[in-house]
C-alpha atoms as a PDB file:
ATOM      1  CA  MET A   1     -19.103  -6.942 -27.922  1.00  0.00           C
ATOM      2  CA  ILE A   2     -20.158 -10.398 -29.096  1.00  0.00           C
ATOM      3  CA  LEU A   3     -20.231 -13.288 -26.551  1.00  0.00           C
ATOM      4  CA  ASP A   4     -20.264 -16.932 -27.543  1.00  0.00           C
ATOM      5  CA  THR A   5     -20.973 -18.358 -24.144  1.00  0.00           C
ATOM      6  CA  GLN A   6     -23.353 -18.017 -21.225  1.00  0.00           C
ATOM      7  CA  LEU A   7     -22.653 -15.107 -18.919  1.00  0.00           C
ATOM      8  CA  PRO A   8     -22.397 -14.832 -15.126  1.00  0.00           C
ATOM      9  CA  GLU A   9     -24.819 -12.441 -13.512  1.00  0.00           C
ATOM     10  CA  ASN A  10     -24.320  -8.812 -14.541  1.00  0.00           C
ATOM     11  CA  TRP A  11     -21.051  -9.716 -16.306  1.00  0.00           C
ATOM     12  CA  LEU A  12     -21.747  -7.659 -19.439  1.00  0.00           C
ATOM     13  CA  LEU A  13     -22.572  -4.581 -17.420  1.00  0.00           C
ATOM     14  CA  ARG A  14     -19.394  -4.956 -15.374  1.00  0.00           C
ATOM     15  CA  ALA A  15     -17.404  -5.582 -18.594  1.00  0.00           C
ATOM     16  CA  GLN A  16     -18.746  -2.308 -20.071  1.00  0.00           C
ATOM     17  CA  ALA A  17     -18.089  -0.428 -16.899  1.00  0.00           C
ATOM     18  CA  ARG A  18     -14.499  -1.786 -16.819  1.00  0.00           C
ATOM     19  CA  GLN A  19     -13.845  -0.577 -20.436  1.00  0.00           C
ATOM     20  CA  LEU A  20     -15.238   2.888 -19.609  1.00  0.00           C
ATOM     21  CA  PHE A  21     -13.123   3.038 -16.427  1.00  0.00           C
ATOM     22  CA  ALA A  22      -9.975   2.010 -18.312  1.00  0.00           C
ATOM     23  CA  LEU A  23     -10.474   4.588 -21.040  1.00  0.00           C
ATOM     24  CA  ASN A  24     -11.144   7.385 -18.632  1.00  0.00           C
ATOM     25  CA  GLY A  25      -7.941   6.443 -16.808  1.00  0.00           C
ATOM     26  CA  LEU A  26      -6.023   6.878 -20.089  1.00  0.00           C
ATOM     27  CA  ASP A  27      -7.234  10.386 -20.635  1.00  0.00           C
ATOM     28  CA  GLY A  28      -4.281  12.487 -21.655  1.00  0.00           C
ATOM     29  CA  ILE A  29      -2.048   9.458 -22.329  1.00  0.00           C
ATOM     30  CA  ALA A  30      -0.916   9.152 -25.923  1.00  0.00           C
ATOM     31  CA  SER A  31      -1.962   6.132 -27.929  1.00  0.00           C
ATOM     32  CA  GLN A  32      -0.624   4.509 -31.153  1.00  0.00           C
ATOM     33  CA  SER A  33      -2.529   3.351 -34.208  1.00  0.00           C
ATOM     34  CA  TYR A  34      -2.028   0.044 -35.964  1.00  0.00           C
ATOM     35  CA  SER A  35      -3.319  -1.249 -39.360  1.00  0.00           C
ATOM     36  CA  VAL A  36      -2.958  -5.021 -39.066  1.00  0.00           C
ATOM     37  CA  ALA A  37      -3.115  -7.132 -42.151  1.00  0.00           C
ATOM     38  CA  GLU A  38      -4.816 -10.477 -41.991  1.00  0.00           C
ATOM     39  CA  ASN A  39      -2.996 -13.234 -39.990  1.00  0.00           C
ATOM     40  CA  SER A  40      -0.168 -10.782 -38.826  1.00  0.00           C
ATOM     41  CA  LEU A  41      -1.243  -9.930 -35.206  1.00  0.00           C
ATOM     42  CA  GLU A  42       1.071 -12.472 -33.703  1.00  0.00           C
ATOM     43  CA  ALA A  43       4.098 -10.674 -35.146  1.00  0.00           C
ATOM     44  CA  LEU A  44       3.367  -7.542 -33.164  1.00  0.00           C
ATOM     45  CA  PRO A  45       4.762  -6.735 -29.713  1.00  0.00           C
ATOM     46  CA  ILE A  46       1.500  -7.326 -27.840  1.00  0.00           C
ATOM     47  CA  GLU A  47       3.227  -7.970 -24.550  1.00  0.00           C
ATOM     48  CA  GLN A  48       4.198  -4.271 -24.547  1.00  0.00           C
ATOM     49  CA  TRP A  49       0.631  -3.061 -25.089  1.00  0.00           C
ATOM     50  CA  ALA A  50      -1.566  -2.330 -22.001  1.00  0.00           C
ATOM     51  CA  LEU A  51      -4.914  -1.649 -23.623  1.00  0.00           C
ATOM     52  CA  VAL A  52      -6.158  -2.309 -27.115  1.00  0.00           C
ATOM     53  CA  ARG A  53      -9.349  -0.762 -28.682  1.00  0.00           C
ATOM     54  CA  VAL A  54     -10.763  -2.061 -31.876  1.00  0.00           C
ATOM     55  CA  LEU A  55     -11.532   0.705 -34.497  1.00  0.00           C
ATOM     56  CA  GLY A  56     -12.200  -1.689 -37.439  1.00  0.00           C
ATOM     57  CA  GLY A  57     -12.603  -5.483 -37.826  1.00  0.00           C
ATOM     58  CA  SER A  58     -13.167  -8.062 -35.167  1.00  0.00           C
ATOM     59  CA  LEU A  59     -10.823  -9.562 -32.523  1.00  0.00           C
ATOM     60  CA  SER A  60     -11.739 -12.750 -30.688  1.00  0.00           C
ATOM     61  CA  LEU A  61     -10.535 -14.055 -27.347  1.00  0.00           C
ATOM     62  CA  PHE A  62     -10.110 -17.756 -27.023  1.00  0.00           C
ATOM     63  CA  ARG A  63      -9.391 -20.166 -24.197  1.00  0.00           C
ATOM     64  CA  GLY A  64      -8.147 -23.289 -25.902  1.00  0.00           C
ATOM     65  CA  ASP A  65     -10.513 -23.923 -28.716  1.00  0.00           C
ATOM     66  CA  GLU A  66     -13.382 -22.038 -27.112  1.00  0.00           C
ATOM     67  CA  CYS A  67     -14.262 -18.492 -28.169  1.00  0.00           C
ATOM     68  CA  LEU A  68     -15.259 -16.458 -25.111  1.00  0.00           C
ATOM     69  CA  LEU A  69     -15.865 -13.073 -26.637  1.00  0.00           C
ATOM     70  CA  ALA A  70     -15.293 -10.933 -29.716  1.00  0.00           C
ATOM     71  CA  LEU A  71     -14.382  -7.302 -29.674  1.00  0.00           C
ATOM     72  CA  GLU A  72     -16.123  -5.077 -32.179  1.00  0.00           C
ATOM     73  CA  PRO A  73     -15.361  -1.455 -33.172  1.00  0.00           C
ATOM     74  CA  GLY A  74     -15.390   0.712 -30.046  1.00  0.00           C
ATOM     75  CA  ASP A  75     -14.632  -2.190 -27.623  1.00  0.00           C
ATOM     76  CA  CYS A  76     -11.368  -2.241 -25.634  1.00  0.00           C
ATOM     77  CA  TRP A  77      -9.663  -4.903 -23.530  1.00  0.00           C
ATOM     78  CA  LEU A  78      -6.413  -5.805 -21.817  1.00  0.00           C
ATOM     79  CA  ALA A  79      -4.034  -6.292 -24.675  1.00  0.00           C
ATOM     80  CA  TYR A  80      -2.038  -9.152 -23.460  1.00  0.00           C
ATOM     81  CA  PRO A  81      -4.453 -11.665 -21.878  1.00  0.00           C
ATOM     82  CA  GLY A  82      -1.894 -14.001 -20.334  1.00  0.00           C
ATOM     83  CA  SER A  83      -0.955 -17.618 -21.081  1.00  0.00           C
ATOM     84  CA  LEU A  84      -4.436 -19.094 -20.577  1.00  0.00           C
ATOM     85  CA  PHE A  85      -5.936 -16.979 -23.282  1.00  0.00           C
ATOM     86  CA  ARG A  86      -5.131 -15.900 -26.824  1.00  0.00           C
ATOM     87  CA  TRP A  87      -6.388 -13.480 -29.372  1.00  0.00           C
ATOM     88  CA  VAL A  88      -7.571 -14.729 -32.794  1.00  0.00           C
ATOM     89  CA  GLN A  89      -7.676 -12.308 -35.689  1.00  0.00           C
ATOM     90  CA  GLU A  90     -10.624 -12.855 -38.047  1.00  0.00           C
ATOM     91  CA  SER A  91     -10.029 -10.014 -40.437  1.00  0.00           C
ATOM     92  CA  PRO A  92      -7.748  -7.099 -41.157  1.00  0.00           C
ATOM     93  CA  LEU A  93      -7.759  -4.815 -38.091  1.00  0.00           C
ATOM     94  CA  GLU A  94      -7.580  -1.167 -37.231  1.00  0.00           C
ATOM     95  CA  LEU A  95      -6.425  -0.841 -33.655  1.00  0.00           C
ATOM     96  CA  GLU A  96      -5.746   1.895 -31.127  1.00  0.00           C
ATOM     97  CA  VAL A  97      -3.140   0.867 -28.544  1.00  0.00           C
ATOM     98  CA  TRP A  98      -1.772   2.258 -25.247  1.00  0.00           C
ATOM     99  CA  LEU A  99       1.610   1.058 -24.010  1.00  0.00           C
ATOM    100  CA  TRP A 100       2.587  -0.040 -20.479  1.00  0.00           C
ATOM    101  CA  SER A 101       5.554   2.246 -20.663  1.00  0.00           C
ATOM    102  CA  ASP A 102       3.274   5.283 -20.914  1.00  0.00           C
ATOM    103  CA  ILE A 103       1.062   4.342 -17.996  1.00  0.00           C
ATOM    104  CA  PRO A 104       2.151   5.324 -14.439  1.00  0.00           C
ATOM    105  CA  ALA A 105       3.185   2.348 -12.386  1.00  0.00           C
ATOM    106  CA  ALA A 106       0.589   3.086  -9.681  1.00  0.00           C
ATOM    107  CA  ASN A 107      -2.172   2.713 -12.194  1.00  0.00           C
ATOM    108  CA  GLN A 108      -1.068  -0.454 -13.794  1.00  0.00           C
ATOM    109  CA  PRO A 109      -2.481  -2.931 -11.270  1.00  0.00           C
ATOM    110  CA  GLU A 110      -5.912  -1.509 -11.855  1.00  0.00           C
ATOM    111  CA  PHE A 111      -5.846  -2.540 -15.532  1.00  0.00           C
ATOM    112  CA  ILE A 112      -4.592  -6.059 -14.827  1.00  0.00           C
ATOM    113  CA  PHE A 113      -6.893  -6.707 -11.921  1.00  0.00           C
ATOM    114  CA  GLY A 114     -10.179  -5.557 -13.566  1.00  0.00           C
ATOM    115  CA  PHE A 115      -9.860  -7.348 -16.930  1.00  0.00           C
ATOM    116  CA  SER A 116      -8.218 -10.502 -15.625  1.00  0.00           C
ATOM    117  CA  ASP A 117     -10.946 -10.845 -13.067  1.00  0.00           C
ATOM    118  CA  LEU A 118     -13.527 -10.689 -15.816  1.00  0.00           C
ATOM    119  CA  MET A 119     -11.765 -13.178 -18.047  1.00  0.00           C
ATOM    120  CA  LEU A 120     -11.186 -15.766 -15.305  1.00  0.00           C
ATOM    121  CA  GLU A 121     -14.847 -15.395 -14.153  1.00  0.00           C
ATOM    122  CA  LEU A 122     -16.155 -15.890 -17.747  1.00  0.00           C
ATOM    123  CA  ALA A 123     -13.888 -18.908 -18.451  1.00  0.00           C
ATOM    124  CA  ALA A 124     -14.728 -20.555 -15.217  1.00  0.00           C
ATOM    125  CA  PHE A 125     -18.514 -19.977 -15.680  1.00  0.00           C
ATOM    126  CA  SER A 126     -18.462 -21.411 -19.184  1.00  0.00           C
ATOM    127  CA  ALA A 127     -16.614 -24.470 -17.894  1.00  0.00           C
ATOM    128  CA  GLY A 128     -19.077 -24.924 -15.020  1.00  0.00           C
ATOM    129  CA  LEU A 129     -16.406 -24.169 -12.398  1.00  0.00           C
ATOM    130  CA  SER A 130     -16.160 -21.661  -9.601  1.00  0.00           C
ATOM    131  CA  ALA A 131     -13.802 -18.791 -10.343  1.00  0.00           C
ATOM    132  CA  ASP A 132     -10.715 -18.434  -8.268  1.00  0.00           C
ATOM    133  CA  PRO A 133     -11.155 -15.565  -5.722  1.00  0.00           C
ATOM    134  CA  VAL A 134      -9.442 -12.497  -7.035  1.00  0.00           C
ATOM    135  CA  PRO A 135      -7.985 -10.109  -4.466  1.00  0.00           C
ATOM    136  CA  GLY A 136      -8.369  -6.363  -4.531  1.00  0.00           C
ATOM    137  CA  PHE A 137      -5.565  -3.770  -4.889  1.00  0.00           C
ATOM    138  CA  GLU A 138      -5.350  -1.014  -2.321  1.00  0.00           C
ATOM    139  CA  PHE A 139      -3.034   1.994  -2.349  1.00  0.00           C
ATOM    140  CA  PHE A 140      -1.550   3.731   0.734  1.00  0.00           C
ATOM    141  CA  GLN A 141       0.215   7.033   1.137  1.00  0.00           C
ATOM    142  CA  ASP A 142       3.174   7.688   3.470  1.00  0.00           C
ATOM    143  CA  GLY A 143       2.033   7.370   7.135  1.00  0.00           C
ATOM    144  CA  GLU A 144      -1.250   5.730   6.315  1.00  0.00           C
ATOM    145  CA  ALA A 145      -2.176   2.608   8.280  1.00  0.00           C
ATOM    146  CA  ILE A 146      -2.468  -0.591   6.410  1.00  0.00           C
ATOM    147  CA  ILE A 147      -3.617  -2.557   9.431  1.00  0.00           C
ATOM    148  CA  SER A 148      -4.309  -1.264  12.937  1.00  0.00           C
ATOM    149  CA  GLN A 149      -3.462  -2.766  16.301  1.00  0.00           C
ATOM    150  CA  GLY A 150      -6.446  -3.962  18.405  1.00  0.00           C
ATOM    151  CA  VAL A 151      -8.776  -4.353  15.347  1.00  0.00           C
ATOM    152  CA  ILE A 152     -10.428  -7.716  14.754  1.00  0.00           C
ATOM    153  CA  ALA A 153      -8.649  -9.404  11.828  1.00  0.00           C
ATOM    154  CA  ASP A 154     -10.906 -10.489   9.021  1.00  0.00           C
ATOM    155  CA  SER A 155      -8.418 -10.093   6.086  1.00  0.00           C
ATOM    156  CA  VAL A 156      -4.809 -10.385   5.111  1.00  0.00           C
ATOM    157  CA  TYR A 157      -2.675  -8.061   2.972  1.00  0.00           C
ATOM    158  CA  THR A 158       0.307  -8.769   0.619  1.00  0.00           C
ATOM    159  CA  LEU A 159       2.658  -5.915   0.146  1.00  0.00           C
ATOM    160  CA  ILE A 160       3.484  -5.822  -3.600  1.00  0.00           C
ATOM    161  CA  GLU A 161       5.106  -2.433  -3.869  1.00  0.00           C
ATOM    162  CA  GLY A 162       6.888  -0.242  -1.226  1.00  0.00           C
ATOM    163  CA  ARG A 163       7.731  -0.870   2.412  1.00  0.00           C
ATOM    164  CA  ALA A 164       5.986  -0.380   5.699  1.00  0.00           C
ATOM    165  CA  ARG A 165       6.870   0.106   9.366  1.00  0.00           C
ATOM    166  CA  VAL A 166       5.569  -2.421  11.953  1.00  0.00           C
ATOM    167  CA  LEU A 167       4.681  -0.856  15.303  1.00  0.00           C
ATOM    168  CA  VAL A 168       3.505  -2.320  18.686  1.00  0.00           C
ATOM    169  CA  ASP A 169       2.139   0.164  21.153  1.00  0.00           C
ATOM    170  CA  GLY A 170       3.557   2.953  19.021  1.00  0.00           C
ATOM    171  CA  LYS A 171       7.152   1.603  19.042  1.00  0.00           C
ATOM    172  CA  VAL A 172       8.691   0.508  15.716  1.00  0.00           C
ATOM    173  CA  VAL A 173       9.614  -3.235  15.919  1.00  0.00           C
ATOM    174  CA  GLY A 174      10.292  -4.106  12.336  1.00  0.00           C
ATOM    175  CA  VAL A 175       9.996  -3.326   8.658  1.00  0.00           C
ATOM    176  CA  ALA A 176       7.719  -5.004   6.149  1.00  0.00           C
ATOM    177  CA  ARG A 177       9.037  -5.372   2.670  1.00  0.00           C
ATOM    178  CA  GLU A 178       7.664  -6.268  -0.832  1.00  0.00           C
ATOM    179  CA  ASN A 179       5.913  -9.757  -1.116  1.00  0.00           C
ATOM    180  CA  GLU A 180       5.524  -9.985   2.650  1.00  0.00           C
ATOM    181  CA  ILE A 181       2.051 -11.048   3.971  1.00  0.00           C
ATOM    182  CA  LEU A 182       0.687  -8.673   6.606  1.00  0.00           C
ATOM    183  CA  GLY A 183      -1.711  -9.593   9.383  1.00  0.00           C
ATOM    184  CA  LEU A 184      -1.668 -13.273   8.698  1.00  0.00           C
ATOM    185  CA  GLN A 185      -1.377 -14.679  12.213  1.00  0.00           C
ATOM    186  CA  ALA A 186      -4.218 -12.647  13.642  1.00  0.00           C
ATOM    187  CA  MET A 187      -6.452 -13.537  10.755  1.00  0.00           C
ATOM    188  CA  LEU A 188      -5.727 -17.252  10.983  1.00  0.00           C
ATOM    189  CA  LEU A 189      -6.391 -17.248  14.679  1.00  0.00           C
ATOM    190  CA  LYS A 190      -9.313 -15.010  14.289  1.00  0.00           C
ATOM    191  CA  THR A 191      -8.083 -12.561  16.956  1.00  0.00           C
ATOM    192  CA  HIS A 192      -7.322  -8.919  17.283  1.00  0.00           C
ATOM    193  CA  ARG A 193      -4.365  -7.376  15.370  1.00  0.00           C
ATOM    194  CA  THR A 194      -1.260  -7.379  17.584  1.00  0.00           C
ATOM    195  CA  ALA A 195       0.560  -4.624  15.616  1.00  0.00           C
ATOM    196  CA  THR A 196      -0.016  -1.633  13.441  1.00  0.00           C
ATOM    197  CA  VAL A 197       1.579  -1.556   9.996  1.00  0.00           C
ATOM    198  CA  VAL A 198       2.131   1.913   8.566  1.00  0.00           C
ATOM    199  CA  ALA A 199       3.186   2.784   4.933  1.00  0.00           C
ATOM    200  CA  ASP A 200       6.746   4.084   4.785  1.00  0.00           C
ATOM    201  CA  GLY A 201       6.189   5.928   1.543  1.00  0.00           C
ATOM    202  CA  PRO A 202       3.682   5.090  -1.148  1.00  0.00           C
ATOM    203  CA  CYS A 203       2.617   1.471  -0.961  1.00  0.00           C
ATOM    204  CA  THR A 204       0.450  -1.004  -2.932  1.00  0.00           C
ATOM    205  CA  ALA A 205      -1.069  -4.009  -1.237  1.00  0.00           C
ATOM    206  CA  VAL A 206      -3.467  -6.802  -2.145  1.00  0.00           C
ATOM    207  CA  LYS A 207      -6.223  -7.365   0.346  1.00  0.00           C
ATOM    208  CA  VAL A 208      -7.813 -10.830   0.694  1.00  0.00           C
ATOM    209  CA  SER A 209     -10.684 -11.785   3.073  1.00  0.00           C
ATOM    210  CA  TYR A 210     -10.344 -14.938   5.309  1.00  0.00           C
ATOM    211  CA  GLU A 211     -12.768 -16.952   3.178  1.00  0.00           C
ATOM    212  CA  ASN A 212     -10.973 -16.045  -0.102  1.00  0.00           C
ATOM    213  CA  PHE A 213      -7.576 -16.658   1.502  1.00  0.00           C
ATOM    214  CA  ARG A 214      -8.604 -20.262   2.307  1.00  0.00           C
ATOM    215  CA  SER A 215      -9.821 -20.748  -1.310  1.00  0.00           C
ATOM    216  CA  LEU A 216      -6.608 -19.239  -2.726  1.00  0.00           C
ATOM    217  CA  ILE A 217      -4.573 -21.683  -0.583  1.00  0.00           C
ATOM    218  CA  GLU A 218      -6.626 -24.590  -1.966  1.00  0.00           C
ATOM    219  CA  THR A 219      -6.374 -23.534  -5.592  1.00  0.00           C
ATOM    220  CA  ARG A 220      -2.838 -22.143  -5.527  1.00  0.00           C
ATOM    221  CA  PRO A 221      -0.692 -24.299  -3.279  1.00  0.00           C
ATOM    222  CA  ASP A 222       2.396 -22.078  -3.917  1.00  0.00           C
ATOM    223  CA  LEU A 223       0.758 -19.659  -1.458  1.00  0.00           C
ATOM    224  CA  VAL A 224       1.324 -22.181   1.340  1.00  0.00           C
ATOM    225  CA  ILE A 225       5.074 -21.656   1.054  1.00  0.00           C
ATOM    226  CA  ALA A 226       4.675 -17.898   1.164  1.00  0.00           C
ATOM    227  CA  THR A 227       2.464 -18.233   4.188  1.00  0.00           C
ATOM    228  CA  MET A 228       5.071 -20.405   6.007  1.00  0.00           C
ATOM    229  CA  GLU A 229       7.843 -17.983   5.130  1.00  0.00           C
ATOM    230  CA  THR A 230       5.852 -15.125   6.521  1.00  0.00           C
ATOM    231  CA  MET A 231       5.161 -16.990   9.755  1.00  0.00           C
ATOM    232  CA  ALA A 232       8.893 -17.743  10.092  1.00  0.00           C
ATOM    233  CA  GLN A 233       9.637 -14.041   9.665  1.00  0.00           C
ATOM    234  CA  GLN A 234       7.168 -13.060  12.338  1.00  0.00           C
ATOM    235  CA  LEU A 235       8.595 -15.677  14.788  1.00  0.00           C
ATOM    236  CA  SER A 236      12.168 -14.363  14.076  1.00  0.00           C
ATOM    237  CA  ARG A 237      10.965 -10.762  14.860  1.00  0.00           C
ATOM    238  CA  ALA A 238       9.376 -12.002  18.144  1.00  0.00           C
ATOM    239  CA  ASN A 239      12.601 -13.740  19.164  1.00  0.00           C
ATOM    240  CA  GLU A 240      14.587 -10.541  18.431  1.00  0.00           C
ATOM    241  CA  ARG A 241      12.291  -8.462  20.584  1.00  0.00           C
ATOM    242  CA  LEU A 242      12.644 -10.949  23.457  1.00  0.00           C
ATOM    243  CA  LEU A 243      16.446 -10.953  23.223  1.00  0.00           C
ATOM    244  CA  ASN A 244      16.585  -7.119  23.080  1.00  0.00           C
ATOM    245  CA  LYS A 245      14.498  -6.602  26.276  1.00  0.00           C
END
């Protein structure tokens, strides 16, 4: 891998580890081979590709007019880097590609999270900015507690896949659904959790610490709306419990 910018501490080692982790996770999953003529990469369905490995030639990742890195033979990366970045083909290419459609849904967040984290960190570092805090994905099986009543709240979860039961003193009082923020009130107030949330089937959630949540709110104002919606849902549940007593 060739890098045309200064690096954050241990960035290259983490990038190499991410590549190895991704390739190991694809063991047993079929790949496809592409011979790409010069200046023809843009015509290919890159948005359908999960991971791309360069077998021949060189492929550079740009942010605007700035080249952040170049993949050499043997290197792999997230194939579709998002709207902030773009690939630039500098020669004919030989590529090995894995498709999103062939990767189990439960494994897909790991690919996006790891590589996008590295790209944003590198771009922010080269621009002299602090990288946005990037949350971590966590996976829960049926019956596993996502948050537990009575525990001091130091983080918040967003349920991105599946559903969960909300229990107070062992009694089910509600259901949490996809895109709902869990444990928000206790974290903001820095108090103990007032309920237990248990996975109702396999679930995927994003965990964010209190400090990172504050930074996310500052850098991504759209999260304020989601926060207010979650608070409104919690107040509605509280009112329903009072009426049903």
